[in-house]
Amino acid sequence: MTEPRTITLATTDHGDVTISEPSWCRGHEDHLPEERADLAHNTDDVILKWRGQPLVFACLDQAPYADTASRDVHVSVSLVGQALDAREVYELAAALDTYADQLRTLADQLLVVRAEGDL
């Protein structure tokens, strides 16, 4: 059996914290010290670009020490707001149809991660 991966990250309120790192996590190369509750594992973002601009970001996400949010693995989705006319709304809807397939892939990945217990 493979030993679980761990990583030690600096925090402002608990010093260095060693946590298990799931195989799906993209790593923590860009980590800056923050509160322990803010530590999170993420996959790379799946990005919907519309008219060449990033509009929606989604990824697998887990914050093992979260205070107010769930500590379970979930899909995090953020939508960047813009003012649109009717034609642009139709164009956006078409882009969202394509993006829906990518979101389904993330949902499938989430089910596999949870079934394997790779939290």
C-alpha atoms as a PDB file:
ATOM      1  CA  MET A   1       0.000   0.000   0.000  1.00  0.00           C
ATOM      2  CA  THR A   2       1.239   3.485  -0.869  1.00  0.00           C
ATOM      3  CA  GLU A   3       1.807   5.849   2.023  1.00  0.00           C
ATOM      4  CA  PRO A   4      -0.477   8.900   1.967  1.00  0.00           C
ATOM      5  CA  ARG A   5       1.142  12.070   0.649  1.00  0.00           C
ATOM      6  CA  THR A   6       1.540  14.878   3.135  1.00  0.00           C
ATOM      7  CA  ILE A   7       2.561  18.495   2.852  1.00  0.00           C
ATOM      8  CA  THR A   8       3.556  21.037   5.483  1.00  0.00           C
ATOM      9  CA  LEU A   9       2.190  24.555   4.970  1.00  0.00           C
ATOM     10  CA  ALA A  10       2.808  27.696   7.005  1.00  0.00           C
ATOM     11  CA  THR A  11      -0.185  29.371   8.618  1.00  0.00           C
ATOM     12  CA  THR A  12      -0.491  32.674  10.457  1.00  0.00           C
ATOM     13  CA  ASP A  13      -2.470  31.226  13.373  1.00  0.00           C
ATOM     14  CA  HIS A  14      -1.129  27.652  13.856  1.00  0.00           C
ATOM     15  CA  GLY A  15       2.433  27.849  12.493  1.00  0.00           C
ATOM     16  CA  ASP A  16       3.454  24.984  10.218  1.00  0.00           C
ATOM     17  CA  VAL A  17       0.586  22.531   9.636  1.00  0.00           C
ATOM     18  CA  THR A  18       1.148  19.070   8.114  1.00  0.00           C
ATOM     19  CA  ILE A  19      -1.877  17.739   6.240  1.00  0.00           C
ATOM     20  CA  SER A  20      -2.651  14.785   3.987  1.00  0.00           C
ATOM     21  CA  GLU A  21      -2.566  15.738   0.326  1.00  0.00           C
ATOM     22  CA  PRO A  22      -5.001  13.877  -1.937  1.00  0.00           C
ATOM     23  CA  SER A  23      -3.667  12.549  -5.250  1.00  0.00           C
ATOM     24  CA  TRP A  24      -5.984  14.881  -7.191  1.00  0.00           C
ATOM     25  CA  CYS A  25      -4.543  18.054  -5.602  1.00  0.00           C
ATOM     26  CA  ARG A  26      -2.560  20.224  -8.051  1.00  0.00           C
ATOM     27  CA  GLY A  27      -0.055  21.151  -5.331  1.00  0.00           C
ATOM     28  CA  HIS A  28       0.654  24.227  -3.250  1.00  0.00           C
ATOM     29  CA  GLU A  29       3.502  25.965  -5.066  1.00  0.00           C
ATOM     30  CA  ASP A  30       1.689  29.315  -4.842  1.00  0.00           C
ATOM     31  CA  HIS A  31       0.859  28.967  -1.127  1.00  0.00           C
ATOM     32  CA  LEU A  32       1.125  32.101   0.997  1.00  0.00           C
ATOM     33  CA  PRO A  33       0.768  31.898   4.783  1.00  0.00           C
ATOM     34  CA  GLU A  34      -2.867  32.278   5.804  1.00  0.00           C
ATOM     35  CA  GLU A  35      -5.129  30.998   8.545  1.00  0.00           C
ATOM     36  CA  ARG A  36      -5.375  27.217   8.926  1.00  0.00           C
ATOM     37  CA  ALA A  37      -9.124  27.374   8.104  1.00  0.00           C
ATOM     38  CA  ASP A  38      -8.202  28.778   4.667  1.00  0.00           C
ATOM     39  CA  LEU A  39      -5.938  25.872   3.638  1.00  0.00           C
ATOM     40  CA  ALA A  40      -7.427  24.121   0.613  1.00  0.00           C
ATOM     41  CA  HIS A  41      -6.700  21.410  -1.916  1.00  0.00           C
ATOM     42  CA  ASN A  42      -7.711  22.169  -5.523  1.00  0.00           C
ATOM     43  CA  THR A  43      -7.447  20.690  -8.986  1.00  0.00           C
ATOM     44  CA  ASP A  44      -6.517  22.906 -11.901  1.00  0.00           C
ATOM     45  CA  ASP A  45      -9.388  25.145 -12.957  1.00  0.00           C
ATOM     46  CA  VAL A  46     -11.712  24.166 -15.774  1.00  0.00           C
ATOM     47  CA  ILE A  47     -12.276  27.523 -17.466  1.00  0.00           C
ATOM     48  CA  LEU A  48     -15.117  28.661 -19.698  1.00  0.00           C
ATOM     49  CA  LYS A  49     -13.863  31.395 -21.972  1.00  0.00           C
ATOM     50  CA  TRP A  50     -16.437  33.480 -23.748  1.00  0.00           C
ATOM     51  CA  ARG A  51     -15.271  35.966 -26.351  1.00  0.00           C
ATOM     52  CA  GLY A  52     -11.719  35.162 -25.302  1.00  0.00           C
ATOM     53  CA  GLN A  53     -12.269  36.177 -21.670  1.00  0.00           C
ATOM     54  CA  PRO A  54     -12.429  33.824 -18.688  1.00  0.00           C
ATOM     55  CA  LEU A  55     -16.024  33.781 -17.500  1.00  0.00           C
ATOM     56  CA  VAL A  56     -16.536  30.725 -15.288  1.00  0.00           C
ATOM     57  CA  PHE A  57     -14.009  28.781 -13.245  1.00  0.00           C
ATOM     58  CA  ALA A  58     -14.614  25.380 -11.654  1.00  0.00           C
ATOM     59  CA  CYS A  59     -12.417  22.869  -9.820  1.00  0.00           C
ATOM     60  CA  LEU A  60     -12.471  20.130  -7.228  1.00  0.00           C
ATOM     61  CA  ASP A  61     -11.917  21.787  -3.863  1.00  0.00           C
ATOM     62  CA  GLN A  62     -11.524  20.756  -0.227  1.00  0.00           C
ATOM     63  CA  ALA A  63     -10.739  22.859   2.836  1.00  0.00           C
ATOM     64  CA  PRO A  64      -9.933  20.290   5.561  1.00  0.00           C
ATOM     65  CA  TYR A  65     -10.007  22.872   8.388  1.00  0.00           C
ATOM     66  CA  ALA A  66     -12.862  25.070   7.139  1.00  0.00           C
ATOM     67  CA  ASP A  67     -14.738  26.957   9.849  1.00  0.00           C
ATOM     68  CA  THR A  68     -17.918  27.922   8.008  1.00  0.00           C
ATOM     69  CA  ALA A  69     -17.900  25.907   4.753  1.00  0.00           C
ATOM     70  CA  SER A  70     -18.083  22.151   4.275  1.00  0.00           C
ATOM     71  CA  ARG A  71     -14.885  20.172   4.801  1.00  0.00           C
ATOM     72  CA  ASP A  72     -16.009  17.596   2.211  1.00  0.00           C
ATOM     73  CA  VAL A  73     -14.577  17.447  -1.307  1.00  0.00           C
ATOM     74  CA  HIS A  74     -16.839  19.418  -3.645  1.00  0.00           C
ATOM     75  CA  VAL A  75     -16.836  21.254  -6.979  1.00  0.00           C
ATOM     76  CA  SER A  76     -16.310  24.989  -6.594  1.00  0.00           C
ATOM     77  CA  VAL A  77     -17.839  27.125  -9.355  1.00  0.00           C
ATOM     78  CA  SER A  78     -17.426  30.881  -9.772  1.00  0.00           C
ATOM     79  CA  LEU A  79     -19.153  33.039 -12.383  1.00  0.00           C
ATOM     80  CA  VAL A  80     -17.784  36.419 -13.468  1.00  0.00           C
ATOM     81  CA  GLY A  81     -20.624  38.885 -14.060  1.00  0.00           C
ATOM     82  CA  GLN A  82     -21.028  41.017 -17.180  1.00  0.00           C
ATOM     83  CA  ALA A  83     -23.835  43.166 -18.623  1.00  0.00           C
ATOM     84  CA  LEU A  84     -25.174  41.457 -21.789  1.00  0.00           C
ATOM     85  CA  ASP A  85     -27.643  42.247 -24.562  1.00  0.00           C
ATOM     86  CA  ALA A  86     -30.020  39.592 -25.960  1.00  0.00           C
ATOM     87  CA  ARG A  87     -27.618  38.386 -28.693  1.00  0.00           C
ATOM     88  CA  GLU A  88     -24.802  38.089 -26.161  1.00  0.00           C
ATOM     89  CA  VAL A  89     -27.046  36.113 -23.816  1.00  0.00           C
ATOM     90  CA  TYR A  90     -27.732  33.604 -26.614  1.00  0.00           C
ATOM     91  CA  GLU A  91     -23.998  33.351 -27.308  1.00  0.00           C
ATOM     92  CA  LEU A  92     -23.319  32.823 -23.614  1.00  0.00           C
ATOM     93  CA  ALA A  93     -25.998  30.139 -23.423  1.00  0.00           C
ATOM     94  CA  ALA A  94     -24.304  28.248 -26.276  1.00  0.00           C
ATOM     95  CA  ALA A  95     -20.955  28.467 -24.478  1.00  0.00           C
ATOM     96  CA  LEU A  96     -22.577  27.235 -21.270  1.00  0.00           C
ATOM     97  CA  ASP A  97     -23.982  24.202 -23.122  1.00  0.00           C
ATOM     98  CA  THR A  98     -20.411  23.222 -24.024  1.00  0.00           C
ATOM     99  CA  TYR A  99     -19.154  24.010 -20.532  1.00  0.00           C
ATOM    100  CA  ALA A 100     -21.822  21.768 -19.012  1.00  0.00           C
ATOM    101  CA  ASP A 101     -19.992  18.725 -20.408  1.00  0.00           C
ATOM    102  CA  GLN A 102     -16.808  19.813 -18.624  1.00  0.00           C
ATOM    103  CA  LEU A 103     -18.739  20.271 -15.386  1.00  0.00           C
ATOM    104  CA  ARG A 104     -20.191  16.762 -15.735  1.00  0.00           C
ATOM    105  CA  THR A 105     -16.631  15.451 -16.067  1.00  0.00           C
ATOM    106  CA  LEU A 106     -15.712  17.202 -12.804  1.00  0.00           C
ATOM    107  CA  ALA A 107     -18.787  15.707 -11.133  1.00  0.00           C
ATOM    108  CA  ASP A 108     -17.751  12.240 -12.337  1.00  0.00           C
ATOM    109  CA  GLN A 109     -14.236  12.844 -10.979  1.00  0.00           C
ATOM    110  CA  LEU A 110     -15.715  13.926  -7.639  1.00  0.00           C
ATOM    111  CA  LEU A 111     -17.736  10.693  -7.397  1.00  0.00           C
ATOM    112  CA  VAL A 112     -14.596   8.628  -8.065  1.00  0.00           C
ATOM    113  CA  VAL A 113     -12.557  10.585  -5.487  1.00  0.00           C
ATOM    114  CA  ARG A 114     -15.230  10.120  -2.826  1.00  0.00           C
ATOM    115  CA  ALA A 115     -15.719   6.426  -3.670  1.00  0.00           C
ATOM    116  CA  GLU A 116     -11.976   5.787  -3.409  1.00  0.00           C
ATOM    117  CA  GLY A 117     -11.766   7.744  -0.162  1.00  0.00           C
ATOM    118  CA  ASP A 118      -8.965   9.933  -1.598  1.00  0.00           C
ATOM    119  CA  LEU A 119      -9.877  12.874   0.600  1.00  0.00           C
END
